[in-house]
């Protein structure tokens, strides 16, 4: 089994769970945040919708520069329908990039840059797992706390939630 074939089931499961979560973001709560130091629900949801797309430069480029003077910008949706459309496009592009990767491509080093500063360098397989999948899981957990604080039902993801007894 190829590395791409072995990681796609995990990728698909996490993207299905993320979509189920993003579907619940209320249009009227995009500006809500739990604390002055926190990001808004809209920022968090947009960040989550953009993150799957990071798999494309991870698999097709040697590095990505996210510094302030670069072309990299996260796309911003103003409502849940636009958020889901953006997410679906990013997931499709990411899945194609992952599916098309040869085993040796997964082991090649990849760098995240901020201008002249290297943030990290890891094999691409580690980037997909840590910077993309684990990062998504982290922020998805934050978003579910935002849901709880706004009486939005928390979806069952890895097991039942207090709002859903089943998957």
C-alpha atoms as a PDB file:
ATOM      1  CA  UNK A   1       0.000   0.000   0.000  1.00  0.00           C
ATOM      2  CA  UNK A   2       1.307   3.441  -0.890  1.00  0.00           C
ATOM      3  CA  UNK A   3       1.756   6.157   1.731  1.00  0.00           C
ATOM      4  CA  UNK A   4      -0.923   8.213  -0.036  1.00  0.00           C
ATOM      5  CA  UNK A   5      -3.395   5.336   0.133  1.00  0.00           C
ATOM      6  CA  UNK A   6      -2.592   4.796   3.808  1.00  0.00           C
ATOM      7  CA  UNK A   7      -3.175   8.420   4.840  1.00  0.00           C
ATOM      8  CA  UNK A   8      -6.285   9.129   2.743  1.00  0.00           C
ATOM      9  CA  UNK A   9      -8.748   7.332   5.079  1.00  0.00           C
ATOM     10  CA  UNK A  10      -7.555   9.492   8.010  1.00  0.00           C
ATOM     11  CA  UNK A  11      -7.692  12.606   5.843  1.00  0.00           C
ATOM     12  CA  UNK A  12     -11.219  11.761   4.655  1.00  0.00           C
ATOM     13  CA  UNK A  13     -12.446  11.095   8.197  1.00  0.00           C
ATOM     14  CA  UNK A  14     -11.026  14.362   9.531  1.00  0.00           C
ATOM     15  CA  UNK A  15     -12.444  16.363   6.615  1.00  0.00           C
ATOM     16  CA  UNK A  16     -15.901  14.805   7.126  1.00  0.00           C
ATOM     17  CA  UNK A  17     -15.746  15.696  10.837  1.00  0.00           C
ATOM     18  CA  UNK A  18     -14.556  19.203  10.029  1.00  0.00           C
ATOM     19  CA  UNK A  19     -17.338  19.755   7.493  1.00  0.00           C
ATOM     20  CA  UNK A  20     -19.902  18.519  10.021  1.00  0.00           C
ATOM     21  CA  UNK A  21     -18.532  21.112  12.447  1.00  0.00           C
ATOM     22  CA  UNK A  22     -18.341  24.003   9.965  1.00  0.00           C
ATOM     23  CA  UNK A  23     -21.945  23.387   8.882  1.00  0.00           C
ATOM     24  CA  UNK A  24     -23.033  24.533  12.355  1.00  0.00           C
ATOM     25  CA  UNK A  25     -21.316  27.911  12.388  1.00  0.00           C
ATOM     26  CA  UNK A  26     -24.188  30.405  12.782  1.00  0.00           C
ATOM     27  CA  UNK A  27     -24.148  33.252  10.262  1.00  0.00           C
ATOM     28  CA  UNK A  28     -25.012  35.703  13.029  1.00  0.00           C
ATOM     29  CA  UNK A  29     -22.057  34.646  15.227  1.00  0.00           C
ATOM     30  CA  UNK A  30     -19.109  35.282  12.865  1.00  0.00           C
ATOM     31  CA  UNK A  31     -18.094  38.298  15.004  1.00  0.00           C
ATOM     32  CA  UNK A  32     -18.556  36.558  18.376  1.00  0.00           C
ATOM     33  CA  UNK A  33     -15.529  35.780  20.530  1.00  0.00           C
ATOM     34  CA  UNK A  34     -15.333  34.461  24.096  1.00  0.00           C
ATOM     35  CA  UNK A  35     -12.619  36.835  25.288  1.00  0.00           C
ATOM     36  CA  UNK A  36     -10.945  40.038  24.068  1.00  0.00           C
ATOM     37  CA  UNK A  37      -7.731  38.084  23.410  1.00  0.00           C
ATOM     38  CA  UNK A  38      -9.562  35.392  21.419  1.00  0.00           C
ATOM     39  CA  UNK A  39     -10.193  35.258  17.697  1.00  0.00           C
ATOM     40  CA  UNK A  40     -13.757  35.580  16.454  1.00  0.00           C
ATOM     41  CA  UNK A  41     -15.834  32.552  15.519  1.00  0.00           C
ATOM     42  CA  UNK A  42     -15.697  33.723  11.893  1.00  0.00           C
ATOM     43  CA  UNK A  43     -11.911  33.981  11.923  1.00  0.00           C
ATOM     44  CA  UNK A  44     -11.615  30.518  13.445  1.00  0.00           C
ATOM     45  CA  UNK A  45     -14.088  28.976  10.978  1.00  0.00           C
ATOM     46  CA  UNK A  46     -12.353  30.634   8.020  1.00  0.00           C
ATOM     47  CA  UNK A  47      -8.954  29.454   9.224  1.00  0.00           C
ATOM     48  CA  UNK A  48     -10.323  25.904   9.456  1.00  0.00           C
ATOM     49  CA  UNK A  49     -11.861  26.106   5.980  1.00  0.00           C
ATOM     50  CA  UNK A  50      -8.545  27.301   4.519  1.00  0.00           C
ATOM     51  CA  UNK A  51      -6.268  24.786   6.250  1.00  0.00           C
ATOM     52  CA  UNK A  52      -7.003  21.693   4.106  1.00  0.00           C
ATOM     53  CA  UNK A  53      -5.786  23.678   1.101  1.00  0.00           C
ATOM     54  CA  UNK A  54      -2.341  23.844   2.685  1.00  0.00           C
ATOM     55  CA  UNK A  55      -1.816  20.264   1.482  1.00  0.00           C
ATOM     56  CA  UNK A  56      -1.453  21.543  -2.087  1.00  0.00           C
ATOM     57  CA  UNK A  57       1.689  23.664  -1.556  1.00  0.00           C
ATOM     58  CA  UNK A  58       2.962  21.035   0.881  1.00  0.00           C
ATOM     59  CA  UNK A  59       2.899  18.400  -1.834  1.00  0.00           C
ATOM     60  CA  UNK A  60       3.733  20.577  -4.854  1.00  0.00           C
ATOM     61  CA  UNK A  61       6.257  23.160  -3.616  1.00  0.00           C
ATOM     62  CA  UNK A  62       9.541  23.025  -1.704  1.00  0.00           C
ATOM     63  CA  UNK A  63       8.288  25.614   0.794  1.00  0.00           C
ATOM     64  CA  UNK A  64       5.599  28.147   1.582  1.00  0.00           C
ATOM     65  CA  UNK A  65       6.263  31.721   2.657  1.00  0.00           C
ATOM     66  CA  UNK A  66       3.506  33.104   4.876  1.00  0.00           C
ATOM     67  CA  UNK A  67       5.319  36.320   5.706  1.00  0.00           C
ATOM     68  CA  UNK A  68       3.469  39.644   5.567  1.00  0.00           C
ATOM     69  CA  UNK A  69       5.097  40.680   2.271  1.00  0.00           C
ATOM     70  CA  UNK A  70       4.175  37.531   0.342  1.00  0.00           C
ATOM     71  CA  UNK A  71       1.313  36.546  -1.914  1.00  0.00           C
ATOM     72  CA  UNK A  72      -0.061  34.125   0.713  1.00  0.00           C
ATOM     73  CA  UNK A  73      -3.418  35.232   2.070  1.00  0.00           C
ATOM     74  CA  UNK A  74      -6.225  33.196   3.600  1.00  0.00           C
ATOM     75  CA  UNK A  75      -9.533  33.525   1.796  1.00  0.00           C
ATOM     76  CA  UNK A  76     -12.398  34.916   3.854  1.00  0.00           C
ATOM     77  CA  UNK A  77     -16.023  33.840   3.697  1.00  0.00           C
ATOM     78  CA  UNK A  78     -18.671  36.092   5.208  1.00  0.00           C
ATOM     79  CA  UNK A  79     -21.298  33.401   5.852  1.00  0.00           C
ATOM     80  CA  UNK A  80     -21.609  29.662   6.361  1.00  0.00           C
ATOM     81  CA  UNK A  81     -22.673  28.858   2.785  1.00  0.00           C
ATOM     82  CA  UNK A  82     -19.587  30.597   1.373  1.00  0.00           C
ATOM     83  CA  UNK A  83     -17.448  29.006   4.084  1.00  0.00           C
ATOM     84  CA  UNK A  84     -18.579  25.510   3.084  1.00  0.00           C
ATOM     85  CA  UNK A  85     -18.059  26.231  -0.610  1.00  0.00           C
ATOM     86  CA  UNK A  86     -14.491  27.371   0.093  1.00  0.00           C
ATOM     87  CA  UNK A  87     -13.883  24.371   2.355  1.00  0.00           C
ATOM     88  CA  UNK A  88     -15.164  21.883  -0.235  1.00  0.00           C
ATOM     89  CA  UNK A  89     -12.886  23.356  -2.932  1.00  0.00           C
ATOM     90  CA  UNK A  90      -9.880  23.234  -0.602  1.00  0.00           C
ATOM     91  CA  UNK A  91     -10.603  19.645   0.421  1.00  0.00           C
ATOM     92  CA  UNK A  92     -10.965  18.503  -3.207  1.00  0.00           C
ATOM     93  CA  UNK A  93      -7.682  20.157  -4.202  1.00  0.00           C
ATOM     94  CA  UNK A  94      -5.930  18.779  -1.118  1.00  0.00           C
ATOM     95  CA  UNK A  95      -7.239  15.257  -1.683  1.00  0.00           C
ATOM     96  CA  UNK A  96      -5.990  15.332  -5.286  1.00  0.00           C
ATOM     97  CA  UNK A  97      -2.546  16.490  -4.130  1.00  0.00           C
ATOM     98  CA  UNK A  98      -2.362  13.777  -1.463  1.00  0.00           C
ATOM     99  CA  UNK A  99      -3.687  11.035  -3.721  1.00  0.00           C
ATOM    100  CA  UNK A 100      -1.237  11.883  -6.492  1.00  0.00           C
ATOM    101  CA  UNK A 101       1.878  11.897  -4.337  1.00  0.00           C
ATOM    102  CA  UNK A 102       4.476   9.172  -4.858  1.00  0.00           C
ATOM    103  CA  UNK A 103       6.004   7.562  -1.772  1.00  0.00           C
ATOM    104  CA  UNK A 104       9.370   9.281  -2.213  1.00  0.00           C
ATOM    105  CA  UNK A 105       7.627  12.662  -2.371  1.00  0.00           C
ATOM    106  CA  UNK A 106       6.283  12.169   1.176  1.00  0.00           C
ATOM    107  CA  UNK A 107       9.788  11.921   2.614  1.00  0.00           C
ATOM    108  CA  UNK A 108      11.182  15.044   0.950  1.00  0.00           C
ATOM    109  CA  UNK A 109      11.787  17.983   3.288  1.00  0.00           C
ATOM    110  CA  UNK A 110       9.407  20.923   3.193  1.00  0.00           C
ATOM    111  CA  UNK A 111       9.854  24.357   4.774  1.00  0.00           C
ATOM    112  CA  UNK A 112       7.451  26.886   6.232  1.00  0.00           C
ATOM    113  CA  UNK A 113       8.930  30.345   5.930  1.00  0.00           C
ATOM    114  CA  UNK A 114       8.030  33.822   7.167  1.00  0.00           C
ATOM    115  CA  UNK A 115      10.090  35.994   4.890  1.00  0.00           C
ATOM    116  CA  UNK A 116      13.756  35.187   5.558  1.00  0.00           C
ATOM    117  CA  UNK A 117      12.931  33.291   8.769  1.00  0.00           C
ATOM    118  CA  UNK A 118      12.455  29.524   8.603  1.00  0.00           C
ATOM    119  CA  UNK A 119       9.663  28.468  10.957  1.00  0.00           C
ATOM    120  CA  UNK A 120      10.309  24.747  10.467  1.00  0.00           C
ATOM    121  CA  UNK A 121      11.511  22.081   8.065  1.00  0.00           C
ATOM    122  CA  UNK A 122       9.948  18.607   8.156  1.00  0.00           C
ATOM    123  CA  UNK A 123       9.286  15.702   5.808  1.00  0.00           C
ATOM    124  CA  UNK A 124       6.042  16.308   3.929  1.00  0.00           C
ATOM    125  CA  UNK A 125       4.314  13.402   5.665  1.00  0.00           C
ATOM    126  CA  UNK A 126       5.017  15.062   9.035  1.00  0.00           C
ATOM    127  CA  UNK A 127       3.748  18.403   7.703  1.00  0.00           C
ATOM    128  CA  UNK A 128       0.450  16.841   6.634  1.00  0.00           C
ATOM    129  CA  UNK A 129       0.023  15.140   9.986  1.00  0.00           C
ATOM    130  CA  UNK A 130       1.164  17.949  12.279  1.00  0.00           C
ATOM    131  CA  UNK A 131       0.746  21.323  10.604  1.00  0.00           C
ATOM    132  CA  UNK A 132      -2.419  20.349   8.767  1.00  0.00           C
ATOM    133  CA  UNK A 133      -4.366  17.475  10.394  1.00  0.00           C
ATOM    134  CA  UNK A 134      -3.347  17.983  14.044  1.00  0.00           C
ATOM    135  CA  UNK A 135      -3.657  21.748  13.652  1.00  0.00           C
ATOM    136  CA  UNK A 136      -7.185  21.303  12.251  1.00  0.00           C
ATOM    137  CA  UNK A 137      -8.134  19.014  15.139  1.00  0.00           C
ATOM    138  CA  UNK A 138      -6.826  21.589  17.627  1.00  0.00           C
ATOM    139  CA  UNK A 139      -8.802  24.488  16.150  1.00  0.00           C
ATOM    140  CA  UNK A 140     -11.888  22.345  15.583  1.00  0.00           C
ATOM    141  CA  UNK A 141     -11.849  21.652  19.321  1.00  0.00           C
ATOM    142  CA  UNK A 142     -11.712  25.388  19.984  1.00  0.00           C
ATOM    143  CA  UNK A 143     -14.656  25.928  17.658  1.00  0.00           C
ATOM    144  CA  UNK A 144     -16.741  23.335  19.496  1.00  0.00           C
ATOM    145  CA  UNK A 145     -16.107  25.221  22.750  1.00  0.00           C
ATOM    146  CA  UNK A 146     -17.341  28.380  21.008  1.00  0.00           C
ATOM    147  CA  UNK A 147     -20.428  26.364  20.017  1.00  0.00           C
ATOM    148  CA  UNK A 148     -21.067  25.245  23.590  1.00  0.00           C
ATOM    149  CA  UNK A 149     -20.815  28.841  24.836  1.00  0.00           C
ATOM    150  CA  UNK A 150     -23.415  29.879  22.226  1.00  0.00           C
ATOM    151  CA  UNK A 151     -25.811  26.946  22.679  1.00  0.00           C
ATOM    152  CA  UNK A 152     -24.938  25.557  19.246  1.00  0.00           C
ATOM    153  CA  UNK A 153     -25.168  21.743  19.315  1.00  0.00           C
ATOM    154  CA  UNK A 154     -21.719  20.162  19.353  1.00  0.00           C
ATOM    155  CA  UNK A 155     -21.429  17.416  16.720  1.00  0.00           C
ATOM    156  CA  UNK A 156     -20.474  13.849  17.551  1.00  0.00           C
ATOM    157  CA  UNK A 157     -16.980  13.477  16.100  1.00  0.00           C
ATOM    158  CA  UNK A 158     -15.027  10.586  17.659  1.00  0.00           C
ATOM    159  CA  UNK A 159     -17.875   9.457  19.833  1.00  0.00           C
ATOM    160  CA  UNK A 160     -21.144  10.824  21.126  1.00  0.00           C
ATOM    161  CA  UNK A 161     -21.357  14.438  22.206  1.00  0.00           C
ATOM    162  CA  UNK A 162     -23.649  15.792  24.916  1.00  0.00           C
ATOM    163  CA  UNK A 163     -25.883  16.975  22.057  1.00  0.00           C
ATOM    164  CA  UNK A 164     -25.744  13.912  19.808  1.00  0.00           C
ATOM    165  CA  UNK A 165     -25.830  10.382  21.116  1.00  0.00           C
ATOM    166  CA  UNK A 166     -24.701   8.911  17.816  1.00  0.00           C
ATOM    167  CA  UNK A 167     -22.353   9.666  14.987  1.00  0.00           C
END
